[in-house]
Structure formats: C-alpha cells, structure tokens
Amino acid sequence: MKKPLLRYNDKNLYLVIANYISNGRLYLGLEDRDGNLYSDITVNLVAFPEYGKNNIFICDDLPKDLVNKLRDKSIIEETIDTIYYDYNKYDVVAVNESKLKKYNSKSYNRYKKYYEDFLKKNTEVNLEEGEKTNEFEK
C-alpha cells in the first residue's frame, strides 16, 4: 500500500517518481489515491544539462504553498538558481534522494536504474585521451 506524501486541498497526494525519456533526468509529480495525476512538480529543461542529476526544475505554475509543503517534507531542498527560459521563470532546487526513496522506493529504484543505463548508453569515449565524457552528466 502506498504511503501518502502529503495532504493538500483535502486530498491525500502520493509521490510519482519517473524519468524523462529524452535525457533520463528525474521527473516528480503528485497523484491522487486512484493514480490520477494531480500536478507535475518538475519540468524538463533539456537546454540546461549543467545542473546535474540531483537538481530539478520546478514547474512555474506549481503553487508556492505546495512547494513549501514539499520543502517541509524535505523532498526538495534549497533553491540553487533561477532560470528564465521561454518567457517563464523556473527555480532550480536540490532533491533529497533518501527522502524520495523513503516515500516510493520501487519507483525511485526504477528511476535510478534507468538514469544509470541512460548515462552508459550516452557516454562517449575520447579515443585519444581514453577519457569518458557525457553531455548529460556535468
């Protein structure tokens, strides 16, 4: 049985953990008891790979009180940066992976494996220097 992450607008909400297919990065969302999507937490900004895997871009339309509840639960941590992209403003925040695992370990483990496999498939070997480089892991 899934454990609710938080209560918001008289609903128990559950954490959704997945990957963005284009770059393997972390997707977070909230769903209701029946598995219906309540809200996206993250947005995938592929133009900014330099922020790495432990940071996410918060959806610009996510209510601030819901962002604060996610901080209170230690799912997201400090704001690292703010990005203005395509006429919108996105906060870049750190995620607490141990908390993600606590609330939804099965999905977290699936995310982690997909991300690691994605990085392996997209790692290029520099034959001259023998170094591995990857544009997605900065």
Foldseek 3Di string as FASTA:
>chain_A
DADFLDADPNFGWAWAWAADPVQLAIWIFIDGPVRHTPGTQFDDDPVCLVVFRQKTWGPQPDDPVVVVSCVVLQQWHDFDDWDQDPNGITTIIGGDLVSVCVRPVVSSVVSVVSNVVSQVVQWDADVVVRDIDHSNGD
